[in-house]
Amino acid sequence: MKLAIFLVLAVVVIVECSHTFMGTSVQRAMVYHHDVQYSSKLFRKRVENLYYSMPAVPSNFGRVIQGILAFDLTFSGASANVTQGGIGYNFVNLRMKSDRGAKIHFDVYIFA
């Protein structure tokens, strides 16, 4: 019995990754999708911004951003934060920061 418990505990793997989920994507139209990739900088953290603004067309009148999803595809300690706009606005500025010496690779979805 002790051997079975040890085997179950030995299989658990902890992965630290920083996905960003804001708002909701349930029954919302996806208005933007981008696979963001930037190479690494030696011994430095890489910081990049992604700016999205909804087009000013009559079909978008009164629509605002309802959900933002940013998946960290490197499964590292990278982070993505909203610095301007976001939920309830028609624009968003997403600041992405990598781990030291690692690349940035996010899959970004925006729903309205």
N, C-alpha and C. Protein backbone atom coordinates (compact mmCIF):
# COMPACT_ATOMS: atom_id res chain seq x y z
N MET A 1 0.82 -1.19 0.00
CA MET A 1 0.00 0.00 0.00
C MET A 1 0.86 1.26 0.00
N LYS A 2 1.95 1.24 0.80
CA LYS A 2 2.84 2.40 0.85
C LYS A 2 3.51 2.63 -0.49
N LEU A 3 3.82 1.57 -1.20
CA LEU A 3 4.44 1.70 -2.51
C LEU A 3 3.48 2.34 -3.51
N ALA A 4 2.20 2.02 -3.45
CA ALA A 4 1.21 2.61 -4.36
C ALA A 4 1.04 4.10 -4.10
N ILE A 5 1.03 4.51 -2.84
CA ILE A 5 0.92 5.93 -2.51
C ILE A 5 2.15 6.68 -2.99
N PHE A 6 3.32 6.10 -2.82
CA PHE A 6 4.56 6.74 -3.27
C PHE A 6 4.56 6.92 -4.79
N LEU A 7 4.09 5.95 -5.54
CA LEU A 7 4.05 6.05 -7.00
C LEU A 7 3.09 7.14 -7.45
N VAL A 8 1.95 7.28 -6.77
CA VAL A 8 0.99 8.32 -7.12
C VAL A 8 1.59 9.70 -6.86
N LEU A 9 2.26 9.88 -5.75
CA LEU A 9 2.86 11.16 -5.42
C LEU A 9 4.07 11.48 -6.30
N ALA A 10 4.77 10.49 -6.78
CA ALA A 10 5.95 10.71 -7.61
C ALA A 10 5.58 11.19 -9.02
N VAL A 11 4.36 10.99 -9.46
CA VAL A 11 3.93 11.35 -10.80
C VAL A 11 3.53 12.81 -10.91
N VAL A 12 3.23 13.47 -9.81
CA VAL A 12 2.78 14.85 -9.82
C VAL A 12 3.92 15.76 -10.26
N VAL A 13 3.66 16.60 -11.25
CA VAL A 13 4.65 17.55 -11.76
C VAL A 13 4.07 18.95 -11.63
N ILE A 14 4.83 19.85 -11.06
CA ILE A 14 4.37 21.23 -10.89
C ILE A 14 4.96 22.07 -12.01
N VAL A 15 4.08 22.76 -12.73
CA VAL A 15 4.49 23.63 -13.82
C VAL A 15 4.00 25.03 -13.50
N GLU A 16 4.91 26.00 -13.50
CA GLU A 16 4.53 27.38 -13.25
C GLU A 16 4.40 28.10 -14.58
N CYS A 17 3.22 28.58 -14.86
CA CYS A 17 3.02 29.37 -16.07
C CYS A 17 1.98 30.45 -15.74
N SER A 18 2.04 31.51 -16.49
CA SER A 18 1.18 32.65 -16.18
C SER A 18 0.25 32.95 -17.34
N HIS A 19 -0.88 32.27 -17.37
CA HIS A 19 -1.90 32.59 -18.35
C HIS A 19 -2.71 33.76 -17.81
N THR A 20 -3.19 34.61 -18.71
CA THR A 20 -4.02 35.74 -18.30
C THR A 20 -5.43 35.55 -18.84
N PHE A 21 -6.41 35.53 -17.95
CA PHE A 21 -7.82 35.40 -18.32
C PHE A 21 -8.56 36.58 -17.70
N MET A 22 -9.18 37.40 -18.53
CA MET A 22 -9.96 38.54 -18.03
C MET A 22 -11.30 38.55 -18.74
N GLY A 23 -12.35 38.83 -18.01
CA GLY A 23 -13.67 38.92 -18.62
C GLY A 23 -14.21 37.54 -18.96
N THR A 24 -14.97 37.48 -20.05
CA THR A 24 -15.59 36.22 -20.47
C THR A 24 -15.50 36.07 -21.98
N SER A 25 -15.45 34.82 -22.40
CA SER A 25 -15.48 34.52 -23.82
C SER A 25 -16.74 33.73 -24.19
N VAL A 26 -17.62 33.51 -23.23
CA VAL A 26 -18.82 32.71 -23.44
C VAL A 26 -19.79 33.47 -24.33
N GLN A 27 -20.12 32.88 -25.47
CA GLN A 27 -21.03 33.43 -26.47
C GLN A 27 -20.63 34.84 -26.88
N ARG A 28 -19.34 35.09 -27.01
CA ARG A 28 -18.81 36.36 -27.50
C ARG A 28 -18.09 36.11 -28.81
N ALA A 29 -18.12 37.10 -29.68
CA ALA A 29 -17.44 36.97 -30.96
C ALA A 29 -15.96 37.27 -30.77
N MET A 30 -15.11 36.41 -31.35
CA MET A 30 -13.68 36.65 -31.29
C MET A 30 -13.35 37.71 -32.34
N VAL A 31 -12.79 38.84 -31.91
CA VAL A 31 -12.49 39.93 -32.83
C VAL A 31 -11.01 40.00 -33.17
N TYR A 32 -10.16 39.30 -32.40
CA TYR A 32 -8.72 39.38 -32.65
C TYR A 32 -8.04 38.12 -32.12
N HIS A 33 -7.11 37.60 -32.92
CA HIS A 33 -6.28 36.47 -32.51
C HIS A 33 -4.89 36.70 -33.06
N HIS A 34 -3.88 36.53 -32.23
CA HIS A 34 -2.50 36.72 -32.67
C HIS A 34 -1.59 35.80 -31.89
N ASP A 35 -0.65 35.19 -32.60
CA ASP A 35 0.38 34.35 -32.00
C ASP A 35 1.63 35.21 -31.86
N VAL A 36 1.90 35.68 -30.65
CA VAL A 36 2.99 36.63 -30.41
C VAL A 36 4.26 35.87 -30.08
N GLN A 37 5.32 36.13 -30.86
CA GLN A 37 6.60 35.47 -30.64
C GLN A 37 7.72 36.49 -30.76
N TYR A 38 8.58 36.52 -29.73
CA TYR A 38 9.79 37.34 -29.75
C TYR A 38 10.93 36.48 -29.23
N SER A 39 12.10 36.64 -29.81
CA SER A 39 13.25 35.87 -29.38
C SER A 39 13.75 36.34 -28.02
N SER A 40 14.62 35.55 -27.43
CA SER A 40 15.14 35.88 -26.10
C SER A 40 16.31 36.85 -26.20
N LYS A 41 16.57 37.51 -25.07
CA LYS A 41 17.74 38.37 -24.93
C LYS A 41 18.63 37.73 -23.86
N LEU A 42 19.90 37.64 -24.13
CA LEU A 42 20.83 36.97 -23.24
C LEU A 42 20.89 37.67 -21.89
N PHE A 43 20.60 36.96 -20.82
CA PHE A 43 20.65 37.42 -19.43
C PHE A 43 19.70 38.59 -19.13
N ARG A 44 18.72 38.84 -19.97
CA ARG A 44 17.80 39.96 -19.74
C ARG A 44 16.37 39.48 -19.89
N LYS A 45 15.46 40.21 -19.27
CA LYS A 45 14.03 39.96 -19.47
C LYS A 45 13.58 40.76 -20.68
N ARG A 46 12.77 40.14 -21.51
CA ARG A 46 12.25 40.82 -22.69
C ARG A 46 10.87 41.37 -22.36
N VAL A 47 10.64 42.65 -22.68
CA VAL A 47 9.35 43.29 -22.44
C VAL A 47 8.85 43.83 -23.77
N GLU A 48 7.64 43.44 -24.15
CA GLU A 48 7.03 43.89 -25.41
C GLU A 48 5.57 44.25 -25.14
N ASN A 49 5.04 45.15 -25.96
CA ASN A 49 3.65 45.58 -25.85
C ASN A 49 2.88 45.18 -27.09
N LEU A 50 1.64 44.77 -26.89
CA LEU A 50 0.72 44.47 -27.98
C LEU A 50 -0.45 45.44 -27.84
N TYR A 51 -0.67 46.26 -28.84
CA TYR A 51 -1.76 47.23 -28.80
C TYR A 51 -2.82 46.80 -29.81
N TYR A 52 -4.08 46.74 -29.36
CA TYR A 52 -5.19 46.43 -30.25
C TYR A 52 -6.28 47.46 -30.03
N SER A 53 -6.83 47.97 -31.13
CA SER A 53 -7.95 48.89 -31.10
C SER A 53 -9.01 48.37 -32.06
N MET A 54 -10.25 48.34 -31.61
CA MET A 54 -11.33 47.86 -32.49
C MET A 54 -11.52 48.84 -33.63
N PRO A 55 -11.68 48.35 -34.86
CA PRO A 55 -11.86 49.25 -36.00
C PRO A 55 -13.12 50.11 -35.86
N ALA A 56 -13.02 51.34 -36.32
CA ALA A 56 -14.15 52.28 -36.23
C ALA A 56 -15.03 52.12 -37.46
N VAL A 57 -15.84 51.09 -37.46
CA VAL A 57 -16.80 50.84 -38.54
C VAL A 57 -18.19 50.82 -37.91
N PRO A 58 -19.23 51.07 -38.70
CA PRO A 58 -20.58 51.12 -38.13
C PRO A 58 -21.00 49.84 -37.40
N SER A 59 -20.51 48.67 -37.83
CA SER A 59 -20.92 47.43 -37.16
C SER A 59 -20.32 47.30 -35.76
N ASN A 60 -19.27 48.06 -35.45
CA ASN A 60 -18.65 48.02 -34.12
C ASN A 60 -19.14 49.12 -33.20
N PHE A 61 -20.10 49.91 -33.64
CA PHE A 61 -20.59 51.01 -32.82
C PHE A 61 -21.20 50.49 -31.52
N GLY A 62 -20.69 50.94 -30.40
CA GLY A 62 -21.21 50.53 -29.11
C GLY A 62 -20.64 49.23 -28.58
N ARG A 63 -19.80 48.54 -29.34
CA ARG A 63 -19.21 47.29 -28.88
C ARG A 63 -17.94 47.59 -28.09
N VAL A 64 -17.73 46.82 -27.05
CA VAL A 64 -16.53 46.95 -26.23
C VAL A 64 -15.92 45.57 -26.02
N ILE A 65 -14.71 45.55 -25.55
CA ILE A 65 -14.01 44.29 -25.29
C ILE A 65 -14.64 43.63 -24.07
N GLN A 66 -15.01 42.35 -24.22
CA GLN A 66 -15.66 41.59 -23.15
C GLN A 66 -14.73 40.55 -22.53
N GLY A 67 -13.70 40.13 -23.28
CA GLY A 67 -12.81 39.10 -22.75
C GLY A 67 -11.44 39.15 -23.39
N ILE A 68 -10.42 38.88 -22.58
CA ILE A 68 -9.04 38.83 -23.05
C ILE A 68 -8.42 37.55 -22.51
N LEU A 69 -7.85 36.75 -23.39
CA LEU A 69 -7.16 35.52 -23.01
C LEU A 69 -5.75 35.58 -23.58
N ALA A 70 -4.75 35.37 -22.74
CA ALA A 70 -3.36 35.33 -23.19
C ALA A 70 -2.73 34.07 -22.60
N PHE A 71 -2.46 33.08 -23.46
CA PHE A 71 -1.90 31.81 -23.04
C PHE A 71 -0.40 31.84 -23.19
N ASP A 72 0.33 31.52 -22.13
CA ASP A 72 1.79 31.43 -22.16
C ASP A 72 2.17 30.07 -22.74
N LEU A 73 2.68 30.06 -23.97
CA LEU A 73 3.02 28.80 -24.63
C LEU A 73 4.42 28.31 -24.31
N THR A 74 5.21 29.09 -23.58
CA THR A 74 6.54 28.63 -23.14
C THR A 74 6.45 27.91 -21.80
N PHE A 75 5.31 28.02 -21.10
CA PHE A 75 5.09 27.42 -19.79
C PHE A 75 6.20 27.81 -18.82
N SER A 76 6.54 29.09 -18.84
CA SER A 76 7.56 29.63 -17.94
C SER A 76 6.90 30.66 -17.03
N GLY A 77 7.69 31.49 -16.41
CA GLY A 77 7.16 32.51 -15.52
C GLY A 77 6.85 33.80 -16.25
N ALA A 78 6.62 33.75 -17.55
CA ALA A 78 6.28 34.94 -18.32
C ALA A 78 4.94 35.48 -17.86
N SER A 79 4.74 36.79 -18.05
CA SER A 79 3.48 37.40 -17.60
C SER A 79 2.94 38.32 -18.68
N ALA A 80 1.62 38.48 -18.67
CA ALA A 80 0.93 39.40 -19.57
C ALA A 80 -0.04 40.22 -18.73
N ASN A 81 0.09 41.54 -18.77
CA ASN A 81 -0.75 42.44 -17.97
C ASN A 81 -1.37 43.50 -18.86
N VAL A 82 -2.58 43.90 -18.54
CA VAL A 82 -3.24 44.99 -19.24
C VAL A 82 -2.79 46.29 -18.60
N THR A 83 -2.22 47.20 -19.40
CA THR A 83 -1.75 48.48 -18.88
C THR A 83 -2.67 49.63 -19.24
N GLN A 84 -3.41 49.52 -20.33
CA GLN A 84 -4.39 50.54 -20.72
C GLN A 84 -5.59 49.85 -21.34
N GLY A 85 -6.76 50.48 -21.18
CA GLY A 85 -7.98 49.95 -21.78
C GLY A 85 -8.36 48.62 -21.16
N GLY A 86 -8.82 47.69 -22.01
CA GLY A 86 -9.19 46.36 -21.55
C GLY A 86 -10.69 46.16 -21.52
N ILE A 87 -11.19 45.46 -20.51
CA ILE A 87 -12.59 45.13 -20.39
C ILE A 87 -13.41 46.42 -20.26
N GLY A 88 -14.41 46.56 -21.13
CA GLY A 88 -15.28 47.73 -21.11
C GLY A 88 -14.80 48.86 -22.00
N TYR A 89 -13.66 48.72 -22.62
CA TYR A 89 -13.12 49.72 -23.55
C TYR A 89 -13.08 49.12 -24.95
N ASN A 90 -12.79 49.96 -25.95
CA ASN A 90 -12.67 49.46 -27.32
C ASN A 90 -11.20 49.33 -27.73
N PHE A 91 -10.28 49.40 -26.78
CA PHE A 91 -8.86 49.20 -27.07
C PHE A 91 -8.21 48.53 -25.86
N VAL A 92 -7.02 47.96 -26.09
CA VAL A 92 -6.27 47.33 -25.01
C VAL A 92 -4.78 47.41 -25.33
N ASN A 93 -3.98 47.63 -24.30
CA ASN A 93 -2.53 47.56 -24.40
C ASN A 93 -2.08 46.45 -23.47
N LEU A 94 -1.50 45.40 -24.05
CA LEU A 94 -1.10 44.22 -23.30
C LEU A 94 0.43 44.21 -23.19
N ARG A 95 0.95 44.26 -21.96
CA ARG A 95 2.39 44.26 -21.72
C ARG A 95 2.82 42.84 -21.38
N MET A 96 3.74 42.30 -22.19
CA MET A 96 4.21 40.93 -22.00
C MET A 96 5.67 40.96 -21.55
N LYS A 97 5.98 40.19 -20.52
CA LYS A 97 7.35 40.15 -20.00
C LYS A 97 7.77 38.70 -19.85
N SER A 98 8.96 38.37 -20.33
CA SER A 98 9.46 37.00 -20.28
C SER A 98 10.29 36.77 -19.03
N ASP A 99 10.65 35.52 -18.81
CA ASP A 99 11.64 35.19 -17.79
C ASP A 99 13.00 35.67 -18.27
N ARG A 100 13.94 35.74 -17.36
CA ARG A 100 15.29 36.16 -17.72
C ARG A 100 15.91 35.14 -18.69
N GLY A 101 16.32 35.62 -19.85
CA GLY A 101 16.96 34.78 -20.85
C GLY A 101 16.00 33.88 -21.63
N ALA A 102 14.71 34.09 -21.50
CA ALA A 102 13.72 33.25 -22.19
C ALA A 102 12.99 34.06 -23.26
N LYS A 103 12.39 33.35 -24.20
CA LYS A 103 11.64 34.02 -25.26
C LYS A 103 10.22 34.31 -24.81
N ILE A 104 9.53 35.14 -25.59
CA ILE A 104 8.11 35.42 -25.37
C ILE A 104 7.32 34.66 -26.43
N HIS A 105 6.33 33.89 -25.98
CA HIS A 105 5.45 33.19 -26.92
C HIS A 105 4.06 33.10 -26.27
N PHE A 106 3.18 33.99 -26.69
CA PHE A 106 1.80 34.05 -26.17
C PHE A 106 0.82 33.83 -27.32
N ASP A 107 -0.30 33.23 -27.01
CA ASP A 107 -1.42 33.09 -27.91
C ASP A 107 -2.51 34.01 -27.35
N VAL A 108 -2.81 35.11 -28.04
CA VAL A 108 -3.70 36.15 -27.52
C VAL A 108 -5.04 36.12 -28.25
N TYR A 109 -6.13 36.11 -27.49
CA TYR A 109 -7.48 36.15 -28.03
C TYR A 109 -8.20 37.33 -27.39
N ILE A 110 -8.96 38.09 -28.20
CA ILE A 110 -9.76 39.19 -27.69
C ILE A 110 -11.19 38.99 -28.18
N PHE A 111 -12.15 39.07 -27.24
CA PHE A 111 -13.56 38.85 -27.55
C PHE A 111 -14.37 40.11 -27.30
N ALA A 112 -15.38 40.35 -28.15
CA ALA A 112 -16.26 41.52 -27.97
C ALA A 112 -17.70 41.07 -28.00
